[in-house]
Amino acid sequence: MSRPISGAPMLNAYPDSIGDTLGDIVGFLQKPELKDVFGSFYILPSIFNTDLDRGFSVIDYGISELLGSPDDLDALRVLGIDLKLDFILNHASVLSKPFQDILAKGEASEYKDFFINWNRFWDGRGIMTETGYIQPDPALIRDMFFRKPGLPILMVRFPDGSSVPYWNTFYQEVAYERVDALDLMRVMEIQYGSAAALAGIIDTALDGGAAPKDIVFGRFERYRSRVTELLESGRKYLGQMDLNIASPLVWDYYDQTLRTLSEYGAHIVRLDAFAYAPKEPGEKNFLNEPATWELLERVRVLADKYGLTLLPEIHASYSEKIYEKIAAQGYMTYDFFLPGLIIDAFERHSGDALISWAKELRDKGIRTVNMLGCHDGIPLLDLKGLIGEDQIQTLIDTVVARGGFVKDLHGQKNVYYQVSATYYSALGEDDRRMLLARAIQLFMPGKPQVWYLDLFAGKNDHEAVLRAGAGGHKEINRTNLTLEQAEKALKKSVVKDQLELLRFRGGFPAFGFGSTLEITESTPAQLAFCWKKDGYTARLTADLRTYHFMISGADSAGKEVFTYTQA
């Protein structure tokens, strides 16, 4: 069975977000200013052996020797900090042992069905193309959701020279090695001068992004087949390959991974991209039902062996009620609505939507992990159905006007997007708003998750976006801080006050999943939350026009033992 989950605040960061390694963060958490502030730590998956996507392309779940060590994890246990760690259900890196075995042995590999062979999946349900992959019948893919344009496949070269398509929902990259005259002379009869000239043609084409089949050979056309074979035999890949959940070996891998995460000290395991894992011809390819719930139940049986609580991660609009389905199955769920609702409440000076959502969480007993900012962006489109679409667009326009970026999913604005910005900048870089936002988060139902950059009132990092180039919009909210910068920030009032509120939230007995929440309504601009448990009470009153708020805590004898006021 899973361990009981405390409501104590949870730090969220990459292992190199503060300093250079996880050890630096551990040292920072040992400072007196951080004592008793955090009870949990969500370490993003670059702590593992990974290659792409800032950690979400996992080679294996060993600790990255560049970023951390088992000793760092032991030190967190000594501090009384448990972990939330990622398990990527849907895919693994091309560089993982199973996929590399496929590349080396082809059909002879014991892992040949560990990933999804596209042609086997669609056998008898489409037409084979000249390129070597099956184009599925239109009726079967009409309603399928793909994360990128075109079919989600990566053509993989087997040792016998054949090309085999494998299912690839997310990132992929194919690279060909540059050649010189000697490389060409080793595989064909060609004079040195011609070889040097031909190598120049080949390398120029490859540097320009051409595939071998697209190279214009000109007067060297007679060498095309030999050159193409040379280049294709040395083809290199990066990417995230979809796992075949019908394979018993995948379930052995799932079991081993969950055991490993438990040994690291995880209490919560975030299930990334789980909704893409179950696949069937003709299904929508995202949150297929009932297959998704069947998958999660099988994973939960494994997780229970190791005392782990699962946290399925999925973005969907409020109107789809996916959060409610997840909660109804007995899982914790993310509160992706809170970040936008707080901004909306500040901009309209009205907490009507925020209060409605708090009551729903309370009345339905939905257990959440909530947040303000995170590594991914502010999910404003998730609010569809909870507030009006005009309100959502106003929020997007507001955050963009304050320096944020909008990322559409391959141009389909109405499908999915987030706004990339630090939460502090999204609030107009206003300390009073930041502190009230934190106070509201701490009084909302759920376990508060704190993005490290929010804690330090981090501003939009446009220089990081420029350095990252195309697709680097998320770097706006991922600034790595030196230890010196973090220590200097501890002197800022907005940081010290957040730490004070977080320490109160983590240690005061009135809070927790077994507590009672009372919400008092007066005017739209007024918030009044009161948590009660075992005679202890914690109160928040706030004015959404002036950002004045007061927090108080009383013990079981009714004596006030904590107060904080923002006048």
Protein backbone atom coordinates (compact mmCIF):
# COMPACT_ATOMS: atom_id res chain seq x y z
CA MET A 1 0.00 0.00 0.00
CA SER A 2 1.12 3.58 -0.61
CA ARG A 3 2.45 5.66 2.29
CA PRO A 4 0.29 8.50 3.68
CA ILE A 5 1.10 11.74 1.84
CA SER A 6 1.64 14.83 3.97
CA GLY A 7 0.38 18.23 2.93
CA ALA A 8 3.76 19.83 3.59
CA PRO A 9 5.07 22.15 0.85
CA MET A 10 7.18 20.60 -1.88
CA LEU A 11 10.15 22.25 -3.56
CA ASN A 12 10.33 21.78 -7.35
CA ALA A 13 13.60 22.20 -9.27
CA TYR A 14 16.09 20.63 -11.62
CA PRO A 15 19.12 19.16 -9.83
CA ASP A 16 21.22 22.05 -11.15
CA SER A 17 18.69 24.85 -10.64
CA ILE A 18 20.52 26.21 -7.58
CA GLY A 19 24.27 25.81 -7.86
CA ASP A 20 25.68 23.12 -10.16
CA THR A 21 24.46 19.86 -8.64
CA LEU A 22 21.86 18.29 -6.38
CA GLY A 23 24.49 18.39 -3.66
CA ASP A 24 24.50 22.18 -3.90
CA ILE A 25 20.71 22.27 -3.44
CA VAL A 26 20.97 19.94 -0.46
CA GLY A 27 23.56 22.26 1.08
CA PHE A 28 21.25 25.21 0.44
CA LEU A 29 18.33 23.42 2.11
CA GLN A 30 20.53 22.89 5.17
CA LYS A 31 20.76 26.65 5.72
CA PRO A 32 18.89 27.97 8.81
CA GLU A 33 16.61 30.10 6.59
CA LEU A 34 15.26 26.90 4.96
CA LYS A 35 14.77 24.90 8.14
CA ASP A 36 11.33 23.20 8.27
CA VAL A 37 10.16 24.92 5.08
CA PHE A 38 9.86 21.91 2.76
CA GLY A 39 8.72 18.38 3.50
CA SER A 40 9.10 17.11 -0.06
CA PHE A 41 11.23 17.77 -3.13
CA TYR A 42 10.15 17.15 -6.73
CA ILE A 43 13.44 16.66 -8.54
CA LEU A 44 12.94 16.88 -12.29
CA PRO A 45 14.18 13.86 -14.28
CA SER A 46 17.51 15.24 -15.46
CA ILE A 47 18.66 13.70 -12.17
CA PHE A 48 18.58 10.40 -14.10
CA ASN A 49 20.72 9.20 -17.02
CA THR A 50 19.02 11.18 -19.79
CA ASP A 51 19.82 12.81 -23.11
CA LEU A 52 17.06 15.18 -24.32
CA ASP A 53 14.16 17.37 -23.30
CA ARG A 54 15.85 18.49 -20.05
CA GLY A 55 15.50 14.98 -18.65
CA PHE A 56 12.26 13.65 -20.08
CA SER A 57 14.09 11.32 -22.47
CA VAL A 58 15.37 8.66 -20.08
CA ILE A 59 18.19 6.30 -21.03
CA ASP A 60 17.93 4.59 -17.65
CA TYR A 61 16.98 5.55 -14.10
CA GLY A 62 20.50 5.55 -12.73
CA ILE A 63 21.54 8.80 -11.03
CA SER A 64 23.44 11.19 -13.31
CA GLU A 65 26.99 11.27 -12.02
CA LEU A 66 27.31 14.85 -13.26
CA LEU A 67 24.32 16.13 -11.30
CA GLY A 68 23.94 14.05 -8.17
CA SER A 69 24.76 11.00 -6.10
CA PRO A 70 23.07 8.52 -3.76
CA ASP A 71 24.69 10.43 -0.90
CA ASP A 72 22.65 13.51 -1.86
CA LEU A 73 19.45 11.46 -1.63
CA ASP A 74 20.51 10.15 1.79
CA ALA A 75 21.13 13.73 2.94
CA LEU A 76 17.59 14.70 1.93
CA ARG A 77 16.23 11.84 4.05
CA VAL A 78 18.22 13.16 7.02
CA LEU A 79 16.53 16.54 6.50
CA GLY A 80 13.13 14.80 6.63
CA ILE A 81 12.46 15.52 2.96
CA ASP A 82 10.81 12.83 0.86
CA LEU A 83 10.81 12.83 -2.93
CA LYS A 84 8.51 13.12 -5.88
CA LEU A 85 10.14 11.62 -8.97
CA ASP A 86 9.15 11.08 -12.58
CA PHE A 87 8.35 7.83 -14.32
CA ILE A 88 7.92 8.23 -18.06
CA LEU A 89 5.43 5.49 -18.95
CA ASN A 90 5.07 6.11 -22.66
CA HIS A 91 8.62 6.20 -23.96
CA ALA A 92 12.33 5.73 -23.45
CA SER A 93 15.39 7.12 -25.18
CA VAL A 94 16.81 5.76 -28.41
CA LEU A 95 20.01 5.40 -26.36
CA SER A 96 18.34 3.03 -23.88
CA LYS A 97 19.75 -0.49 -23.70
CA PRO A 98 16.66 -2.13 -25.30
CA PHE A 99 16.61 0.17 -28.34
CA GLN A 100 20.35 -0.04 -28.85
CA ASP A 101 20.01 -3.83 -28.80
CA ILE A 102 17.41 -3.58 -31.57
CA LEU A 103 19.75 -1.41 -33.65
CA ALA A 104 22.57 -3.92 -33.18
CA LYS A 105 20.63 -7.18 -33.68
CA GLY A 106 17.44 -6.31 -35.57
CA GLU A 107 14.91 -9.16 -35.58
CA ALA A 108 17.29 -11.25 -33.48
CA SER A 109 16.99 -8.84 -30.54
CA GLU A 110 15.06 -10.03 -27.50
CA TYR A 111 13.75 -6.45 -27.32
CA LYS A 112 12.33 -6.31 -30.84
CA ASP A 113 8.80 -5.96 -29.43
CA PHE A 114 9.79 -3.76 -26.46
CA PHE A 115 8.96 -0.76 -28.66
CA ILE A 116 6.13 -0.46 -31.17
CA ASN A 117 6.94 -1.65 -34.68
CA TRP A 118 4.64 0.60 -36.73
CA ASN A 119 4.15 -1.90 -39.56
CA ARG A 120 3.24 -4.73 -37.20
CA PHE A 121 0.79 -2.48 -35.39
CA TRP A 122 -0.94 -1.45 -38.62
CA ASP A 123 -0.60 -4.77 -40.48
CA GLY A 124 -3.69 -5.32 -42.63
CA ARG A 125 -5.02 -1.84 -41.86
CA GLY A 126 -3.37 0.29 -44.54
CA ILE A 127 -1.21 0.46 -47.64
CA MET A 128 2.56 -0.09 -47.74
CA THR A 129 4.36 2.96 -49.12
CA GLU A 130 7.50 3.02 -51.26
CA THR A 131 9.36 4.38 -48.26
CA GLY A 132 8.67 1.20 -46.30
CA TYR A 133 5.98 2.17 -43.80
CA ILE A 134 2.26 1.46 -43.80
CA GLN A 135 -0.01 4.42 -44.42
CA PRO A 136 -3.04 3.56 -42.22
CA ASP A 137 -6.56 3.61 -43.64
CA PRO A 138 -7.85 7.20 -43.35
CA ALA A 139 -10.86 6.18 -41.28
CA LEU A 140 -8.58 4.68 -38.65
CA ILE A 141 -6.44 7.75 -38.07
CA ARG A 142 -9.01 10.46 -38.70
CA ASP A 143 -9.64 10.98 -34.98
CA MET A 144 -6.12 10.21 -33.76
CA PHE A 145 -4.24 12.95 -31.91
CA PHE A 146 -0.58 13.32 -32.83
CA ARG A 147 1.84 15.63 -31.03
CA LYS A 148 3.62 16.69 -34.22
CA PRO A 149 2.85 17.00 -37.94
CA GLY A 150 2.83 13.81 -40.01
CA LEU A 151 2.84 10.23 -38.84
CA PRO A 152 4.69 9.58 -35.54
CA ILE A 153 7.37 7.25 -36.87
CA LEU A 154 11.14 6.97 -36.92
CA MET A 155 12.65 4.84 -39.69
CA VAL A 156 15.32 2.65 -38.11
CA ARG A 157 18.01 0.80 -40.05
CA PHE A 158 18.46 -2.86 -39.11
CA PRO A 159 21.80 -4.69 -39.52
CA ASP A 160 20.56 -6.38 -42.71
CA GLY A 161 20.14 -2.96 -44.34
CA SER A 162 16.35 -2.84 -44.10
CA SER A 163 14.53 0.19 -42.71
CA VAL A 164 11.85 -0.45 -40.10
CA PRO A 165 9.42 2.19 -38.75
CA TYR A 166 8.96 2.50 -34.98
CA TRP A 167 6.32 4.57 -33.20
CA ASN A 168 7.76 7.90 -32.07
CA THR A 169 5.24 10.31 -30.47
CA PHE A 170 7.71 12.95 -29.32
CA TYR A 171 11.16 14.16 -30.36
CA GLN A 172 13.38 12.56 -32.99
CA GLU A 173 16.61 13.45 -34.73
CA VAL A 174 18.50 11.53 -37.42
CA ALA A 175 22.11 12.47 -38.12
CA TYR A 176 24.64 11.36 -40.70
CA GLU A 177 28.36 11.51 -40.15
CA ARG A 178 30.46 13.78 -42.38
CA VAL A 179 32.95 12.00 -44.61
CA ASP A 180 36.37 12.72 -46.07
CA ALA A 181 38.25 11.40 -49.10
CA LEU A 182 39.74 8.47 -47.21
CA ASP A 183 36.30 7.32 -46.00
CA LEU A 184 35.12 7.17 -49.61
CA MET A 185 38.27 5.44 -50.88
CA ARG A 186 37.83 2.68 -48.27
CA VAL A 187 34.43 1.63 -49.67
CA MET A 188 34.78 2.22 -53.43
CA GLU A 189 37.20 2.51 -56.31
CA ILE A 190 37.72 6.24 -56.71
CA GLN A 191 40.68 8.52 -57.27
CA TYR A 192 41.79 10.72 -54.39
CA GLY A 193 41.03 14.00 -56.15
CA SER A 194 37.53 12.85 -57.06
CA ALA A 195 37.01 11.52 -53.56
CA ALA A 196 37.97 14.85 -52.04
CA ALA A 197 35.62 16.73 -54.36
CA LEU A 198 32.78 14.30 -53.73
CA ALA A 199 33.30 14.49 -49.96
CA GLY A 200 32.89 18.25 -50.19
CA ILE A 201 29.58 17.86 -52.02
CA ILE A 202 28.33 15.31 -49.50
CA ASP A 203 29.30 17.27 -46.40
CA THR A 204 27.86 20.51 -47.73
CA ALA A 205 24.56 18.76 -48.38
CA LEU A 206 24.51 17.10 -44.95
CA ASP A 207 25.35 20.37 -43.22
CA GLY A 208 22.37 21.89 -45.02
CA GLY A 209 20.06 19.24 -43.56
CA ALA A 210 19.74 17.01 -46.65
CA ALA A 211 19.19 13.27 -46.29
CA PRO A 212 21.45 10.99 -48.38
CA LYS A 213 18.67 10.33 -50.91
CA ASP A 214 18.35 14.07 -51.55
CA ILE A 215 22.01 14.78 -52.29
CA VAL A 216 22.68 16.08 -55.79
CA PHE A 217 25.77 14.20 -56.97
CA GLY A 218 26.16 15.89 -60.36
CA ARG A 219 29.05 14.33 -62.30
CA PHE A 220 29.59 11.85 -59.46
CA GLU A 221 26.11 10.30 -59.84
CA ARG A 222 27.63 6.86 -60.51
CA TYR A 223 28.76 6.74 -56.87
CA ARG A 224 25.29 7.38 -55.42
CA SER A 225 24.48 3.84 -54.27
CA ARG A 226 27.85 3.30 -52.55
CA VAL A 227 27.75 6.68 -50.85
CA THR A 228 24.15 6.22 -49.73
CA GLU A 229 24.98 2.82 -48.24
CA LEU A 230 28.00 4.28 -46.42
CA LEU A 231 25.97 7.12 -44.92
CA GLU A 232 22.94 5.03 -44.00
CA SER A 233 25.07 2.34 -42.34
CA GLY A 234 26.42 5.01 -40.00
CA ARG A 235 23.06 6.64 -39.30
CA LYS A 236 22.70 7.98 -35.73
CA TYR A 237 19.53 8.72 -33.81
CA LEU A 238 18.24 10.71 -30.91
CA GLY A 239 14.66 10.58 -29.76
CA GLN A 240 12.00 9.18 -27.46
CA MET A 241 10.56 5.87 -28.62
CA ASP A 242 7.12 4.66 -27.55
CA LEU A 243 7.01 1.53 -25.42
CA ASN A 244 4.87 -1.46 -26.32
CA ILE A 245 2.73 -2.08 -23.24
CA ALA A 246 1.71 -5.47 -24.67
CA SER A 247 5.26 -6.73 -24.08
CA PRO A 248 5.95 -8.61 -20.82
CA LEU A 249 9.47 -7.14 -20.90
CA VAL A 250 7.98 -3.63 -20.65
CA TRP A 251 6.11 -4.63 -17.51
CA ASP A 252 9.31 -6.05 -16.04
CA TYR A 253 10.88 -2.67 -16.82
CA TYR A 254 7.96 -0.85 -15.17
CA ASP A 255 8.34 -2.95 -12.02
CA GLN A 256 12.10 -2.45 -11.87
CA THR A 257 11.75 1.31 -12.36
CA LEU A 258 9.19 1.72 -9.58
CA ARG A 259 11.35 -0.30 -7.21
CA THR A 260 14.33 1.92 -8.05
CA LEU A 261 12.38 5.12 -7.44
CA SER A 262 11.17 3.82 -4.10
CA GLU A 263 14.75 3.01 -3.09
CA TYR A 264 15.74 6.58 -3.92
CA GLY A 265 13.21 7.85 -1.37
CA ALA A 266 10.22 8.63 -3.58
CA HIS A 267 6.79 8.84 -1.95
CA ILE A 268 5.03 10.30 -5.01
CA VAL A 269 5.69 9.17 -8.58
CA ARG A 270 4.56 11.49 -11.34
CA LEU A 271 3.40 9.54 -14.39
CA ASP A 272 4.52 11.57 -17.39
CA ALA A 273 2.83 11.10 -20.80
CA PHE A 274 0.81 8.13 -19.48
CA ALA A 275 -2.21 9.08 -21.59
CA TYR A 276 -0.33 8.27 -24.83
CA ALA A 277 0.72 4.75 -23.79
CA PRO A 278 -2.38 2.67 -24.67
CA LYS A 279 -2.79 2.55 -28.46
CA GLU A 280 -5.40 0.88 -30.65
CA PRO A 281 -6.21 1.34 -34.37
CA GLY A 282 -9.06 3.80 -34.73
CA GLU A 283 -8.84 5.07 -31.15
CA LYS A 284 -8.02 8.72 -30.43
CA ASN A 285 -4.44 7.94 -29.30
CA PHE A 286 -4.77 10.04 -26.17
CA LEU A 287 -6.52 8.89 -23.01
CA ASN A 288 -8.13 5.93 -24.76
CA GLU A 289 -10.86 4.48 -22.57
CA PRO A 290 -11.04 2.04 -20.87
CA ALA A 291 -7.47 1.11 -21.83
CA THR A 292 -5.90 4.07 -20.01
CA TRP A 293 -7.58 3.20 -16.72
CA GLU A 294 -6.65 -0.47 -17.13
CA LEU A 295 -3.03 0.56 -17.67
CA LEU A 296 -3.02 2.79 -14.60
CA GLU A 297 -4.55 0.07 -12.44
CA ARG A 298 -1.84 -2.39 -13.47
CA VAL A 299 0.82 0.22 -12.68
CA ARG A 300 -0.83 0.96 -9.33
CA VAL A 301 -0.61 -2.69 -8.35
CA LEU A 302 3.14 -2.50 -8.95
CA ALA A 303 3.44 0.85 -7.14
CA ASP A 304 1.60 -0.48 -4.10
CA LYS A 305 4.33 -3.08 -3.64
CA TYR A 306 6.79 -0.27 -3.04
CA GLY A 307 4.59 2.10 -1.03
CA LEU A 308 4.35 4.66 -3.86
CA THR A 309 1.52 7.12 -4.56
CA LEU A 310 0.91 7.72 -8.26
CA LEU A 311 0.27 11.19 -9.65
CA PRO A 312 -0.93 10.94 -13.28
CA GLU A 313 -0.03 14.09 -15.22
CA ILE A 314 -2.35 15.26 -17.98
CA HIS A 315 -3.47 18.56 -19.45
CA ALA A 316 -7.10 18.87 -20.49
CA SER A 317 -9.76 21.55 -20.31
CA TYR A 318 -11.89 21.81 -17.18
CA SER A 319 -14.97 21.05 -19.26
CA GLU A 320 -13.60 17.60 -20.15
CA LYS A 321 -13.57 16.67 -16.43
CA ILE A 322 -10.47 14.51 -16.82
CA TYR A 323 -9.25 15.67 -13.39
CA GLU A 324 -12.49 14.31 -11.93
CA LYS A 325 -12.11 10.96 -13.70
CA ILE A 326 -8.57 10.60 -12.36
CA ALA A 327 -9.73 11.45 -8.84
CA ALA A 328 -12.67 9.04 -9.11
CA GLN A 329 -10.19 6.24 -9.83
CA GLY A 330 -8.50 7.00 -6.50
CA TYR A 331 -5.46 8.93 -7.75
CA MET A 332 -4.04 12.28 -6.80
CA THR A 333 -4.31 14.81 -9.61
CA TYR A 334 -2.69 18.08 -10.57
CA ASP A 335 -4.48 21.35 -9.96
CA PHE A 336 -3.53 22.98 -13.25
CA PHE A 337 -6.38 25.48 -12.88
CA LEU A 338 -5.10 27.36 -9.84
CA PRO A 339 -2.29 29.40 -11.52
CA GLY A 340 -4.67 30.98 -14.02
CA LEU A 341 -7.49 31.41 -11.53
CA ILE A 342 -5.29 33.48 -9.22
CA ILE A 343 -4.18 35.76 -12.06
CA ASP A 344 -7.81 36.06 -13.14
CA ALA A 345 -8.88 36.94 -9.59
CA PHE A 346 -6.23 39.66 -9.39
CA GLU A 347 -7.05 41.15 -12.79
CA ARG A 348 -10.82 41.21 -12.23
CA HIS A 349 -10.62 41.85 -8.45
CA SER A 350 -13.03 38.98 -8.04
CA GLY A 351 -12.54 35.55 -6.54
CA ASP A 352 -15.80 34.02 -7.75
CA ALA A 353 -14.19 31.41 -10.04
CA LEU A 354 -11.40 30.69 -7.55
CA ILE A 355 -13.86 30.12 -4.71
CA SER A 356 -16.04 27.91 -6.90
CA TRP A 357 -13.04 25.72 -7.70
CA ALA A 358 -11.93 25.54 -4.04
CA LYS A 359 -15.41 24.40 -3.02
CA GLU A 360 -15.47 21.75 -5.74
CA LEU A 361 -12.16 20.32 -4.56
CA ARG A 362 -13.39 20.32 -0.97
CA ASP A 363 -16.85 18.93 -1.60
CA LYS A 364 -15.68 16.16 -3.95
CA GLY A 365 -12.70 15.22 -1.81
CA ILE A 366 -10.27 15.62 -4.71
CA ARG A 367 -6.64 15.30 -3.60
CA THR A 368 -4.32 17.53 -5.60
CA VAL A 369 -0.80 18.78 -5.97
CA ASN A 370 -1.14 22.49 -6.72
CA MET A 371 1.35 25.11 -7.91
CA LEU A 372 1.86 28.61 -9.23
CA GLY A 373 4.72 28.26 -11.73
CA CYS A 374 6.47 25.14 -12.98
CA HIS A 375 9.05 23.98 -15.55
CA ASP A 376 6.45 23.79 -18.33
CA GLY A 377 4.54 27.09 -18.35
CA ILE A 378 1.22 28.51 -17.15
CA PRO A 379 -1.64 26.30 -18.46
CA LEU A 380 -4.29 28.91 -19.17
CA LEU A 381 -6.20 27.00 -21.84
CA ASP A 382 -6.99 24.31 -19.26
CA LEU A 383 -9.47 26.82 -17.81
CA LYS A 384 -11.95 26.34 -20.67
CA GLY A 385 -15.32 25.62 -19.10
CA LEU A 386 -14.34 27.04 -15.73
CA ILE A 387 -14.18 30.65 -16.90
CA GLY A 388 -15.26 32.22 -20.17
CA GLU A 389 -13.09 32.03 -23.27
CA ASP A 390 -12.95 35.83 -23.42
CA GLN A 391 -11.54 35.80 -19.89
CA ILE A 392 -8.96 33.20 -20.90
CA GLN A 393 -7.87 35.26 -23.89
CA THR A 394 -7.58 38.31 -21.67
CA LEU A 395 -5.32 36.36 -19.32
CA ILE A 396 -3.15 35.19 -22.22
CA ASP A 397 -2.91 38.71 -23.60
CA THR A 398 -2.03 40.03 -20.14
CA VAL A 399 0.79 37.55 -19.54
CA VAL A 400 2.16 38.04 -23.06
CA ALA A 401 2.07 41.83 -22.57
CA ARG A 402 4.20 41.26 -19.48
CA GLY A 403 6.85 39.48 -21.55
CA GLY A 404 5.52 35.92 -21.83
CA PHE A 405 5.43 33.69 -24.91
CA VAL A 406 2.61 31.59 -26.34
CA LYS A 407 3.47 28.16 -27.73
CA ASP A 408 0.89 26.54 -29.99
CA LEU A 409 0.95 22.79 -30.61
CA HIS A 410 2.03 22.62 -34.28
CA GLY A 411 -0.15 25.59 -35.09
CA GLN A 412 -3.38 24.25 -33.59
CA LYS A 413 -4.22 26.99 -31.13
CA ASN A 414 -7.56 25.46 -30.25
CA VAL A 415 -6.00 22.14 -29.29
CA TYR A 416 -3.49 23.03 -26.60
CA TYR A 417 -1.05 25.67 -25.51
CA GLN A 418 0.59 27.16 -22.46
CA VAL A 419 2.03 30.58 -21.80
CA SER A 420 5.72 30.58 -20.99
CA ALA A 421 6.59 33.10 -18.27
CA THR A 422 7.78 33.22 -14.70
CA TYR A 423 4.86 33.53 -12.36
CA TYR A 424 6.34 36.65 -10.80
CA SER A 425 6.50 38.36 -14.22
CA ALA A 426 3.00 37.10 -15.06
CA LEU A 427 1.83 38.99 -11.96
CA GLY A 428 3.47 42.18 -13.18
CA GLU A 429 6.60 41.69 -11.02
CA ASP A 430 4.70 42.94 -8.00
CA ASP A 431 5.86 41.68 -4.58
CA ARG A 432 2.46 42.17 -2.97
CA ARG A 433 0.73 40.14 -5.64
CA MET A 434 3.39 37.42 -5.36
CA LEU A 435 2.93 37.10 -1.62
CA LEU A 436 -0.85 37.04 -1.84
CA ALA A 437 -0.69 34.44 -4.64
CA ARG A 438 1.50 32.27 -2.41
CA ALA A 439 -0.85 32.75 0.54
CA ILE A 440 -3.85 31.70 -1.56
CA GLN A 441 -1.98 28.65 -2.84
CA LEU A 442 -1.15 27.59 0.71
CA PHE A 443 -4.79 27.83 1.76
CA MET A 444 -6.16 25.97 -1.26
CA PRO A 445 -6.90 22.25 -0.90
CA GLY A 446 -3.92 20.13 -1.90
CA LYS A 447 -0.21 19.73 -1.41
CA PRO A 448 1.58 22.97 -2.41
CA GLN A 449 4.39 22.58 -4.94
CA VAL A 450 6.83 25.51 -5.15
CA TRP A 451 8.83 26.23 -8.31
CA TYR A 452 12.24 27.41 -7.13
CA LEU A 453 12.21 30.50 -9.36
CA ASP A 454 8.85 31.62 -7.92
CA LEU A 455 10.34 31.41 -4.44
CA PHE A 456 13.08 33.84 -5.50
CA ALA A 457 10.66 36.11 -7.43
CA GLY A 458 12.42 35.28 -10.68
CA LYS A 459 11.79 37.45 -13.73
CA ASN A 460 11.35 36.44 -17.36
CA ASP A 461 14.72 35.38 -18.78
CA HIS A 462 14.58 36.51 -22.40
CA GLU A 463 18.31 36.08 -22.86
CA ALA A 464 17.98 32.38 -22.03
CA VAL A 465 15.27 32.04 -24.67
CA LEU A 466 17.55 33.64 -27.29
CA ARG A 467 20.44 31.35 -26.32
CA ALA A 468 18.23 28.29 -26.62
CA GLY A 469 17.13 29.15 -30.15
CA ALA A 470 14.12 27.59 -31.87
CA GLY A 471 11.80 25.87 -29.41
CA GLY A 472 13.56 27.42 -26.44
CA HIS A 473 10.60 29.42 -25.12
CA LYS A 474 10.40 27.42 -21.87
CA GLU A 475 13.87 28.59 -20.85
CA ILE A 476 12.21 31.88 -19.88
CA ASN A 477 11.31 30.24 -16.56
CA ARG A 478 14.27 27.89 -16.03
CA THR A 479 17.08 30.24 -15.06
CA ASN A 480 19.84 28.39 -13.21
CA LEU A 481 20.89 30.33 -10.13
CA THR A 482 24.34 30.28 -8.64
CA LEU A 483 24.57 29.62 -4.93
CA GLU A 484 25.68 33.21 -4.50
CA GLN A 485 22.56 34.48 -6.30
CA ALA A 486 20.29 32.25 -4.23
CA GLU A 487 21.91 33.28 -0.95
CA LYS A 488 21.64 36.94 -1.90
CA ALA A 489 17.94 36.46 -2.73
CA LEU A 490 17.32 35.16 0.80
CA LYS A 491 17.75 38.74 2.00
CA LYS A 492 14.81 40.03 -0.08
CA SER A 493 11.57 40.61 1.81
CA VAL A 494 9.46 38.82 -0.80
CA VAL A 495 11.61 35.71 -0.35
CA LYS A 496 11.84 35.85 3.46
CA ASP A 497 8.08 36.32 3.75
CA GLN A 498 7.32 33.41 1.42
CA LEU A 499 9.58 31.20 3.54
CA GLU A 500 7.74 32.29 6.66
CA LEU A 501 4.37 31.41 5.14
CA LEU A 502 5.65 28.08 3.79
CA ARG A 503 7.07 27.14 7.19
CA PHE A 504 3.70 27.91 8.79
CA ARG A 505 1.88 25.84 6.19
CA GLY A 506 4.19 22.87 6.62
CA GLY A 507 4.22 22.71 10.40
CA PHE A 508 0.84 23.92 11.56
CA PRO A 509 -1.60 21.10 12.55
CA ALA A 510 -4.72 22.72 11.07
CA PHE A 511 -3.63 21.86 7.52
CA GLY A 512 -3.60 18.52 5.74
CA PHE A 513 -5.66 16.11 3.68
CA GLY A 514 -7.69 15.17 6.76
CA SER A 515 -8.54 18.74 7.72
CA THR A 516 -11.76 20.70 7.25
CA LEU A 517 -11.99 23.80 5.06
CA GLU A 518 -14.57 26.52 5.63
CA ILE A 519 -15.04 29.22 3.00
CA THR A 520 -16.86 32.43 3.86
CA GLU A 521 -18.27 34.58 1.06
CA SER A 522 -19.05 38.27 1.40
CA THR A 523 -18.15 40.42 -1.61
CA PRO A 524 -16.45 39.17 -4.80
CA ALA A 525 -13.24 40.98 -3.85
CA GLN A 526 -13.00 39.32 -0.42
CA LEU A 527 -11.53 35.88 0.32
CA ALA A 528 -11.93 34.13 3.67
CA PHE A 529 -10.59 30.57 4.13
CA CYS A 530 -10.38 28.71 7.44
CA TRP A 531 -8.74 25.31 7.98
CA LYS A 532 -9.56 23.27 11.10
CA LYS A 533 -8.24 20.07 12.63
CA ASP A 534 -8.06 18.74 16.19
CA GLY A 535 -9.02 22.17 17.58
CA TYR A 536 -6.36 24.05 15.61
CA THR A 537 -7.46 26.75 13.17
CA ALA A 538 -5.69 28.63 10.38
CA ARG A 539 -7.36 31.63 8.75
CA LEU A 540 -6.74 33.68 5.63
CA THR A 541 -8.62 36.87 4.83
CA ALA A 542 -7.68 38.80 1.71
CA ASP A 543 -8.77 41.77 -0.39
CA LEU A 544 -8.31 41.20 -4.14
CA ARG A 545 -8.40 44.94 -4.87
CA THR A 546 -5.73 46.13 -2.46
CA TYR A 547 -3.83 42.80 -2.03
CA HIS A 548 -4.06 43.28 1.71
CA PHE A 549 -4.25 39.95 3.54
CA MET A 550 -3.90 38.52 7.01
CA ILE A 551 -3.07 34.99 8.15
CA SER A 552 -3.50 33.73 11.70
CA GLY A 553 -3.12 30.42 13.45
CA ALA A 554 -4.64 29.38 16.77
CA ASP A 555 -3.83 26.31 18.85
CA SER A 556 -6.31 23.87 20.36
CA ALA A 557 -6.77 26.16 23.37
CA GLY A 558 -7.76 29.02 21.07
CA LYS A 559 -4.53 30.93 21.64
CA GLU A 560 -3.20 32.79 18.61
CA VAL A 561 0.30 31.43 17.90
CA PHE A 562 0.97 32.80 14.40
CA THR A 563 0.11 36.02 12.59
CA TYR A 564 1.17 37.56 9.32
CA THR A 565 -0.21 40.75 7.78
CA GLN A 566 0.35 42.41 4.42
CA ALA A 567 -1.12 45.86 4.91
